[in-house]
Amino acid sequence: MGMPDLTLQKRIAADIMGVGVNNVRFDPERLEDIEKAFRREEIKALIEDGAIYAVKPSRNSRGRWRVLHEKRKKGRRRGHGNRKGRRGARSDEKRDWINRVRKMRRYIKMLREKGVIDAKQHRELYMKIKGGAFKNLSSLKMYLKSVGVIKGG
C-alpha cells in the first residue's frame, strides 16, 4: 500500500494555521487519524493535538556571506574589480568635505592664536577655505608658504 493522499488535509491545515502548504507537517505515527479527517473541525482538533504542525519557513543562508565578510574585514576583495557604483557611493563625499574643511579651519585658528596671522588674514583664509580654494591641508600650507606667511621647510 502506498502513501495515503493527504493533499486536502494539508491544504485545510495550511489555511487554518495561516502558513503555506509546504510548511505543514504531519506526525508519521498519526497518519491514519489524519487520513480520516475531512472536516475543518477535525483538522483543528488534530492541530491542537500536535498531530499536524507547521515548520518555520527557511530563510536565505548567511553562511557564504559570513565567509566573504571575514575576508573583507582582512582587506581582501576590495580592489577595483570588486567595486560597483561610483566612488561617492563607497565613501560619503559630504563627510570627506566636512572633515577636510574642519581640519583646515582648526589649523588657521591655531595660526591666529599663535599670532602668525591676524584676524583679517584669518577671515580671508576662512572664506577661501569655504569657497573650496584649497584641496586639503597641505595645499593650504603650500599657499601660505608661497605668500610668505609661514616659513618653507
N, C-alpha and C. Protein backbone atom coordinates (compact mmCIF):
# COMPACT_ATOMS: atom_id res chain seq x y z
N MET A 1 0.85 -1.21 0.00
CA MET A 1 0.00 0.00 0.00
C MET A 1 0.88 1.25 0.00
N GLY A 2 0.58 2.24 -0.87
CA GLY A 2 1.38 3.46 -0.97
C GLY A 2 0.99 4.47 0.11
N MET A 3 1.56 5.63 -0.02
CA MET A 3 1.25 6.71 0.92
C MET A 3 -0.18 7.19 0.71
N PRO A 4 -0.91 7.45 1.80
CA PRO A 4 -2.26 8.00 1.61
C PRO A 4 -2.20 9.41 1.04
N ASP A 5 -3.22 9.77 0.27
CA ASP A 5 -3.24 11.11 -0.33
C ASP A 5 -3.81 12.10 0.68
N LEU A 6 -2.95 12.95 1.19
CA LEU A 6 -3.36 13.87 2.26
C LEU A 6 -3.35 15.32 1.79
N THR A 7 -3.48 15.54 0.47
CA THR A 7 -3.38 16.92 -0.04
C THR A 7 -4.51 17.79 0.51
N LEU A 8 -5.70 17.24 0.60
CA LEU A 8 -6.84 18.02 1.14
C LEU A 8 -6.56 18.44 2.58
N GLN A 9 -6.12 17.46 3.39
CA GLN A 9 -5.84 17.75 4.80
C GLN A 9 -4.73 18.81 4.93
N LYS A 10 -3.75 18.69 4.06
CA LYS A 10 -2.64 19.63 4.09
C LYS A 10 -3.14 21.04 3.77
N ARG A 11 -3.98 21.12 2.74
CA ARG A 11 -4.50 22.41 2.30
C ARG A 11 -5.34 23.07 3.40
N ILE A 12 -6.22 22.28 4.00
CA ILE A 12 -7.10 22.83 5.06
C ILE A 12 -6.25 23.26 6.26
N ALA A 13 -5.28 22.41 6.64
CA ALA A 13 -4.42 22.72 7.78
C ALA A 13 -3.63 24.01 7.53
N ALA A 14 -3.14 24.15 6.29
CA ALA A 14 -2.38 25.36 5.94
C ALA A 14 -3.27 26.58 6.09
N ASP A 15 -4.51 26.46 5.66
CA ASP A 15 -5.46 27.58 5.75
C ASP A 15 -5.73 27.93 7.21
N ILE A 16 -5.93 26.92 8.03
CA ILE A 16 -6.24 27.15 9.45
C ILE A 16 -5.05 27.81 10.16
N MET A 17 -3.84 27.29 9.90
CA MET A 17 -2.66 27.79 10.61
C MET A 17 -2.08 29.06 10.00
N GLY A 18 -2.58 29.40 8.80
CA GLY A 18 -2.10 30.62 8.15
C GLY A 18 -0.68 30.51 7.64
N VAL A 19 -0.29 29.31 7.19
CA VAL A 19 1.04 29.13 6.62
C VAL A 19 0.91 28.54 5.23
N GLY A 20 2.01 28.43 4.50
CA GLY A 20 1.99 27.83 3.17
C GLY A 20 1.86 26.31 3.28
N VAL A 21 1.33 25.72 2.23
CA VAL A 21 1.14 24.26 2.21
C VAL A 21 2.46 23.53 2.45
N ASN A 22 3.55 24.05 1.92
CA ASN A 22 4.84 23.36 2.05
C ASN A 22 5.39 23.36 3.46
N ASN A 23 4.81 24.18 4.34
CA ASN A 23 5.32 24.24 5.71
C ASN A 23 4.47 23.42 6.68
N VAL A 24 3.50 22.69 6.16
CA VAL A 24 2.66 21.84 7.01
C VAL A 24 3.32 20.47 7.12
N ARG A 25 3.41 19.97 8.38
CA ARG A 25 4.00 18.64 8.60
C ARG A 25 2.99 17.78 9.37
N PHE A 26 3.06 16.47 9.10
CA PHE A 26 2.20 15.52 9.79
C PHE A 26 3.06 14.61 10.66
N ASP A 27 2.52 14.24 11.83
CA ASP A 27 3.19 13.26 12.68
C ASP A 27 3.03 11.89 12.03
N PRO A 28 4.15 11.22 11.66
CA PRO A 28 4.02 9.94 10.93
C PRO A 28 3.26 8.86 11.71
N GLU A 29 3.26 8.96 13.05
CA GLU A 29 2.53 7.97 13.87
C GLU A 29 1.02 8.12 13.72
N ARG A 30 0.56 9.33 13.40
CA ARG A 30 -0.89 9.62 13.42
C ARG A 30 -1.49 9.72 12.03
N LEU A 31 -0.81 9.18 11.02
CA LEU A 31 -1.29 9.34 9.63
C LEU A 31 -2.69 8.79 9.43
N GLU A 32 -3.02 7.68 10.11
CA GLU A 32 -4.36 7.09 9.95
C GLU A 32 -5.45 8.04 10.42
N ASP A 33 -5.22 8.68 11.59
CA ASP A 33 -6.20 9.65 12.11
C ASP A 33 -6.35 10.81 11.13
N ILE A 34 -5.22 11.27 10.60
CA ILE A 34 -5.24 12.43 9.70
C ILE A 34 -5.98 12.08 8.42
N GLU A 35 -5.79 10.84 7.96
CA GLU A 35 -6.43 10.39 6.71
C GLU A 35 -7.95 10.43 6.83
N LYS A 36 -8.45 10.14 8.04
CA LYS A 36 -9.91 10.10 8.26
C LYS A 36 -10.52 11.49 8.41
N ALA A 37 -9.68 12.48 8.70
CA ALA A 37 -10.20 13.83 8.97
C ALA A 37 -10.44 14.56 7.66
N PHE A 38 -11.72 14.88 7.39
CA PHE A 38 -12.06 15.62 6.18
C PHE A 38 -12.63 17.00 6.50
N ARG A 39 -13.06 17.19 7.75
CA ARG A 39 -13.73 18.44 8.10
C ARG A 39 -12.76 19.37 8.83
N ARG A 40 -12.99 20.66 8.71
CA ARG A 40 -12.12 21.65 9.34
C ARG A 40 -12.02 21.44 10.85
N GLU A 41 -13.17 21.09 11.47
CA GLU A 41 -13.16 20.90 12.94
C GLU A 41 -12.22 19.75 13.32
N GLU A 42 -12.27 18.67 12.52
CA GLU A 42 -11.43 17.50 12.82
C GLU A 42 -9.95 17.88 12.68
N ILE A 43 -9.66 18.64 11.64
CA ILE A 43 -8.26 19.04 11.40
C ILE A 43 -7.79 20.00 12.49
N LYS A 44 -8.70 20.89 12.91
CA LYS A 44 -8.38 21.81 14.02
C LYS A 44 -8.02 21.02 15.27
N ALA A 45 -8.79 19.98 15.54
CA ALA A 45 -8.54 19.15 16.73
C ALA A 45 -7.17 18.47 16.61
N LEU A 46 -6.83 17.99 15.41
CA LEU A 46 -5.53 17.33 15.22
C LEU A 46 -4.37 18.33 15.38
N ILE A 47 -4.61 19.58 14.97
CA ILE A 47 -3.58 20.62 15.15
C ILE A 47 -3.36 20.86 16.65
N GLU A 48 -4.47 20.96 17.39
CA GLU A 48 -4.36 21.17 18.83
C GLU A 48 -3.67 20.00 19.50
N ASP A 49 -3.92 18.80 18.99
CA ASP A 49 -3.28 17.58 19.49
C ASP A 49 -1.78 17.56 19.22
N GLY A 50 -1.36 18.24 18.15
CA GLY A 50 0.04 18.21 17.76
C GLY A 50 0.33 17.17 16.69
N ALA A 51 -0.73 16.54 16.14
CA ALA A 51 -0.52 15.57 15.06
C ALA A 51 -0.19 16.30 13.76
N ILE A 52 -0.73 17.52 13.62
CA ILE A 52 -0.41 18.36 12.47
C ILE A 52 0.26 19.62 13.02
N TYR A 53 1.39 20.00 12.46
CA TYR A 53 2.08 21.21 12.93
C TYR A 53 2.74 21.91 11.75
N ALA A 54 3.15 23.15 11.98
CA ALA A 54 3.79 23.94 10.92
C ALA A 54 5.26 24.14 11.27
N VAL A 55 6.12 24.10 10.26
CA VAL A 55 7.53 24.42 10.48
C VAL A 55 7.78 25.84 9.98
N LYS A 56 8.78 26.47 10.56
CA LYS A 56 9.14 27.82 10.12
C LYS A 56 9.76 27.74 8.74
N PRO A 57 9.36 28.63 7.83
CA PRO A 57 9.99 28.59 6.50
C PRO A 57 11.47 28.93 6.61
N SER A 58 12.31 28.28 5.80
CA SER A 58 13.73 28.55 5.87
C SER A 58 14.03 29.87 5.16
N ARG A 59 14.97 30.61 5.70
CA ARG A 59 15.37 31.89 5.12
C ARG A 59 16.66 31.69 4.32
N ASN A 60 17.13 32.76 3.71
CA ASN A 60 18.41 32.69 2.98
C ASN A 60 19.54 32.38 3.96
N SER A 61 20.40 31.47 3.54
CA SER A 61 21.54 31.13 4.38
C SER A 61 22.54 32.28 4.38
N ARG A 62 23.11 32.56 5.56
CA ARG A 62 24.12 33.62 5.65
C ARG A 62 25.53 33.06 5.70
N GLY A 63 25.66 31.75 5.49
CA GLY A 63 26.98 31.12 5.56
C GLY A 63 27.98 31.73 4.60
N ARG A 64 27.59 31.85 3.32
CA ARG A 64 28.51 32.40 2.33
C ARG A 64 28.85 33.85 2.66
N TRP A 65 27.85 34.59 3.13
CA TRP A 65 28.08 35.99 3.48
C TRP A 65 29.12 36.10 4.58
N ARG A 66 29.02 35.22 5.58
CA ARG A 66 29.97 35.29 6.71
C ARG A 66 31.40 35.07 6.26
N VAL A 67 31.59 34.09 5.38
CA VAL A 67 32.94 33.80 4.88
C VAL A 67 33.50 35.03 4.16
N LEU A 68 32.69 35.61 3.24
CA LEU A 68 33.16 36.77 2.48
C LEU A 68 33.39 37.97 3.39
N HIS A 69 32.52 38.13 4.39
CA HIS A 69 32.64 39.26 5.30
C HIS A 69 33.96 39.20 6.06
N GLU A 70 34.33 38.00 6.51
CA GLU A 70 35.60 37.83 7.21
C GLU A 70 36.76 38.24 6.31
N LYS A 71 36.71 37.82 5.02
CA LYS A 71 37.78 38.16 4.10
C LYS A 71 37.85 39.67 3.89
N ARG A 72 36.68 40.29 3.77
CA ARG A 72 36.67 41.75 3.56
C ARG A 72 37.20 42.49 4.77
N LYS A 73 36.95 41.94 5.98
CA LYS A 73 37.48 42.57 7.18
C LYS A 73 39.01 42.54 7.16
N LYS A 74 39.57 41.51 6.51
CA LYS A 74 41.03 41.43 6.39
C LYS A 74 41.54 42.30 5.25
N GLY A 75 40.62 42.89 4.48
CA GLY A 75 41.03 43.78 3.40
C GLY A 75 41.07 43.11 2.04
N ARG A 76 40.64 41.83 1.98
CA ARG A 76 40.61 41.16 0.68
C ARG A 76 39.35 41.58 -0.08
N ARG A 77 39.33 41.32 -1.37
CA ARG A 77 38.15 41.52 -2.22
C ARG A 77 37.66 42.97 -2.20
N ARG A 78 38.59 43.89 -2.10
CA ARG A 78 38.20 45.29 -2.07
C ARG A 78 38.81 46.09 -3.22
N GLY A 79 39.47 45.40 -4.15
CA GLY A 79 40.15 46.08 -5.26
C GLY A 79 39.18 46.63 -6.29
N HIS A 80 39.73 47.23 -7.33
CA HIS A 80 38.90 47.87 -8.36
C HIS A 80 37.91 46.91 -8.99
N GLY A 81 38.32 45.67 -9.19
CA GLY A 81 37.46 44.71 -9.87
C GLY A 81 36.23 44.30 -9.09
N ASN A 82 36.25 44.57 -7.78
CA ASN A 82 35.13 44.17 -6.93
C ASN A 82 34.21 45.33 -6.58
N ARG A 83 34.47 46.49 -7.16
CA ARG A 83 33.68 47.66 -6.78
C ARG A 83 32.53 47.87 -7.75
N LYS A 84 31.39 48.26 -7.19
CA LYS A 84 30.25 48.63 -8.03
C LYS A 84 29.78 50.00 -7.56
N GLY A 85 29.29 50.79 -8.49
CA GLY A 85 28.88 52.13 -8.11
C GLY A 85 30.05 53.09 -8.18
N ARG A 86 29.75 54.39 -8.18
CA ARG A 86 30.83 55.36 -8.30
C ARG A 86 31.53 55.54 -6.96
N ARG A 87 32.63 56.29 -7.01
CA ARG A 87 33.44 56.48 -5.81
C ARG A 87 32.61 57.01 -4.65
N GLY A 88 31.73 57.96 -4.96
CA GLY A 88 30.93 58.60 -3.92
C GLY A 88 29.94 57.66 -3.25
N ALA A 89 29.70 56.52 -3.87
CA ALA A 89 28.77 55.56 -3.27
C ALA A 89 29.45 54.78 -2.16
N ARG A 90 30.79 54.72 -2.20
CA ARG A 90 31.52 53.94 -1.20
C ARG A 90 32.02 54.81 -0.06
N SER A 91 32.34 56.08 -0.36
CA SER A 91 32.71 57.00 0.72
C SER A 91 31.85 58.23 0.55
N ASP A 92 31.29 58.69 1.64
CA ASP A 92 30.38 59.82 1.58
C ASP A 92 31.18 61.09 1.31
N GLU A 93 30.98 61.67 0.13
CA GLU A 93 31.78 62.82 -0.27
C GLU A 93 31.52 64.03 0.63
N LYS A 94 30.31 64.14 1.12
CA LYS A 94 30.00 65.27 2.01
C LYS A 94 30.78 65.15 3.31
N ARG A 95 30.83 63.92 3.87
CA ARG A 95 31.59 63.72 5.12
C ARG A 95 33.07 64.04 4.89
N ASP A 96 33.60 63.61 3.73
CA ASP A 96 35.00 63.92 3.41
C ASP A 96 35.24 65.42 3.41
N TRP A 97 34.33 66.14 2.76
CA TRP A 97 34.42 67.60 2.68
C TRP A 97 34.41 68.22 4.08
N ILE A 98 33.45 67.78 4.89
CA ILE A 98 33.32 68.32 6.25
C ILE A 98 34.63 68.11 7.02
N ASN A 99 35.19 66.90 6.95
CA ASN A 99 36.42 66.61 7.68
C ASN A 99 37.59 67.45 7.19
N ARG A 100 37.68 67.61 5.86
CA ARG A 100 38.78 68.42 5.30
C ARG A 100 38.67 69.87 5.75
N VAL A 101 37.46 70.43 5.63
CA VAL A 101 37.26 71.83 5.97
C VAL A 101 37.51 72.07 7.45
N ARG A 102 37.04 71.18 8.29
CA ARG A 102 37.25 71.34 9.74
C ARG A 102 38.73 71.31 10.09
N LYS A 103 39.46 70.42 9.42
CA LYS A 103 40.89 70.32 9.68
C LYS A 103 41.59 71.63 9.33
N MET A 104 41.25 72.20 8.16
CA MET A 104 41.87 73.46 7.73
C MET A 104 41.47 74.61 8.65
N ARG A 105 40.21 74.62 9.06
CA ARG A 105 39.76 75.69 9.96
C ARG A 105 40.46 75.62 11.31
N ARG A 106 40.66 74.40 11.82
CA ARG A 106 41.42 74.23 13.08
C ARG A 106 42.83 74.78 12.93
N TYR A 107 43.43 74.51 11.76
CA TYR A 107 44.81 74.94 11.52
C TYR A 107 44.91 76.47 11.49
N ILE A 108 44.00 77.14 10.74
CA ILE A 108 44.12 78.61 10.68
C ILE A 108 43.75 79.25 12.02
N LYS A 109 42.90 78.59 12.80
CA LYS A 109 42.57 79.09 14.13
C LYS A 109 43.82 79.05 15.02
N MET A 110 44.56 77.94 14.90
CA MET A 110 45.78 77.78 15.67
C MET A 110 46.81 78.86 15.27
N LEU A 111 46.91 79.12 13.94
CA LEU A 111 47.83 80.16 13.48
C LEU A 111 47.45 81.53 14.04
N ARG A 112 46.15 81.80 14.08
CA ARG A 112 45.69 83.09 14.61
C ARG A 112 46.01 83.21 16.10
N GLU A 113 45.77 82.11 16.84
CA GLU A 113 46.02 82.14 18.29
C GLU A 113 47.51 82.31 18.60
N LYS A 114 48.36 81.73 17.74
CA LYS A 114 49.80 81.85 17.93
C LYS A 114 50.32 83.20 17.45
N GLY A 115 49.48 83.97 16.79
CA GLY A 115 49.89 85.28 16.31
C GLY A 115 50.61 85.25 14.98
N VAL A 116 50.58 84.11 14.26
CA VAL A 116 51.22 84.03 12.95
C VAL A 116 50.43 84.84 11.93
N ILE A 117 49.10 84.80 12.05
CA ILE A 117 48.25 85.61 11.16
C ILE A 117 47.35 86.48 12.01
N ASP A 118 46.92 87.59 11.46
CA ASP A 118 45.99 88.44 12.22
C ASP A 118 44.55 88.08 11.85
N ALA A 119 43.61 88.77 12.50
CA ALA A 119 42.20 88.43 12.33
C ALA A 119 41.74 88.61 10.89
N LYS A 120 42.30 89.64 10.22
CA LYS A 120 41.90 89.91 8.84
C LYS A 120 42.36 88.81 7.91
N GLN A 121 43.61 88.38 8.08
CA GLN A 121 44.14 87.27 7.27
C GLN A 121 43.35 85.98 7.55
N HIS A 122 43.03 85.81 8.81
CA HIS A 122 42.25 84.62 9.20
C HIS A 122 40.91 84.62 8.47
N ARG A 123 40.26 85.78 8.43
CA ARG A 123 38.95 85.87 7.77
C ARG A 123 39.09 85.57 6.27
N GLU A 124 40.14 86.12 5.65
CA GLU A 124 40.36 85.87 4.22
C GLU A 124 40.57 84.38 3.94
N LEU A 125 41.43 83.75 4.75
CA LEU A 125 41.69 82.32 4.57
C LEU A 125 40.44 81.51 4.83
N TYR A 126 39.68 81.90 5.84
CA TYR A 126 38.44 81.20 6.20
C TYR A 126 37.50 81.18 5.01
N MET A 127 37.34 82.33 4.38
CA MET A 127 36.43 82.42 3.24
C MET A 127 36.96 81.64 2.04
N LYS A 128 38.29 81.63 1.87
CA LYS A 128 38.88 80.85 0.77
C LYS A 128 38.62 79.35 0.98
N ILE A 129 38.81 78.92 2.24
CA ILE A 129 38.56 77.52 2.57
C ILE A 129 37.10 77.18 2.27
N LYS A 130 36.22 78.08 2.71
CA LYS A 130 34.79 77.87 2.50
C LYS A 130 34.46 77.79 1.02
N GLY A 131 35.17 78.57 0.22
CA GLY A 131 34.93 78.59 -1.22
C GLY A 131 35.58 77.44 -1.97
N GLY A 132 36.32 76.59 -1.24
CA GLY A 132 36.93 75.43 -1.89
C GLY A 132 38.21 75.74 -2.62
N ALA A 133 38.91 76.80 -2.20
CA ALA A 133 40.15 77.19 -2.88
C ALA A 133 41.28 76.19 -2.62
N PHE A 134 41.20 75.45 -1.51
CA PHE A 134 42.26 74.51 -1.16
C PHE A 134 41.71 73.10 -1.16
N LYS A 135 42.49 72.20 -1.78
CA LYS A 135 42.06 70.80 -1.89
C LYS A 135 42.13 70.12 -0.52
N ASN A 136 43.20 70.45 0.22
CA ASN A 136 43.39 69.83 1.53
C ASN A 136 44.35 70.70 2.35
N LEU A 137 44.70 70.21 3.53
CA LEU A 137 45.55 71.00 4.43
C LEU A 137 46.92 71.27 3.81
N SER A 138 47.47 70.28 3.11
CA SER A 138 48.82 70.50 2.56
C SER A 138 48.80 71.57 1.46
N SER A 139 47.70 71.64 0.69
CA SER A 139 47.63 72.69 -0.34
C SER A 139 47.46 74.06 0.31
N LEU A 140 46.78 74.12 1.45
CA LEU A 140 46.66 75.37 2.20
C LEU A 140 48.05 75.80 2.70
N LYS A 141 48.81 74.85 3.23
CA LYS A 141 50.17 75.16 3.72
C LYS A 141 51.07 75.65 2.59
N MET A 142 50.94 74.99 1.40
CA MET A 142 51.73 75.41 0.25
C MET A 142 51.41 76.86 -0.12
N TYR A 143 50.14 77.20 -0.07
CA TYR A 143 49.71 78.57 -0.39
C TYR A 143 50.31 79.54 0.62
N LEU A 144 50.24 79.19 1.90
CA LEU A 144 50.78 80.07 2.95
C LEU A 144 52.28 80.28 2.80
N LYS A 145 52.98 79.21 2.36
CA LYS A 145 54.42 79.36 2.13
C LYS A 145 54.68 80.28 0.93
N SER A 146 53.86 80.11 -0.10
CA SER A 146 54.09 80.92 -1.32
C SER A 146 53.84 82.40 -1.08
N VAL A 147 52.91 82.74 -0.20
CA VAL A 147 52.68 84.15 0.11
C VAL A 147 53.53 84.62 1.28
N GLY A 148 54.36 83.72 1.83
CA GLY A 148 55.32 84.11 2.85
C GLY A 148 54.76 84.23 4.25
N VAL A 149 53.61 83.66 4.51
CA VAL A 149 53.04 83.73 5.87
C VAL A 149 53.80 82.77 6.79
N ILE A 150 54.06 81.57 6.29
CA ILE A 150 54.85 80.62 7.09
C ILE A 150 56.13 80.27 6.33
N LYS A 151 57.14 79.87 7.11
CA LYS A 151 58.45 79.57 6.53
C LYS A 151 58.39 78.26 5.76
N GLY A 152 59.05 78.21 4.63
CA GLY A 152 59.16 76.95 3.89
C GLY A 152 60.18 76.05 4.56
N GLY A 153 59.91 74.75 4.61
CA GLY A 153 60.87 73.88 5.27
C GLY A 153 60.40 72.51 5.19
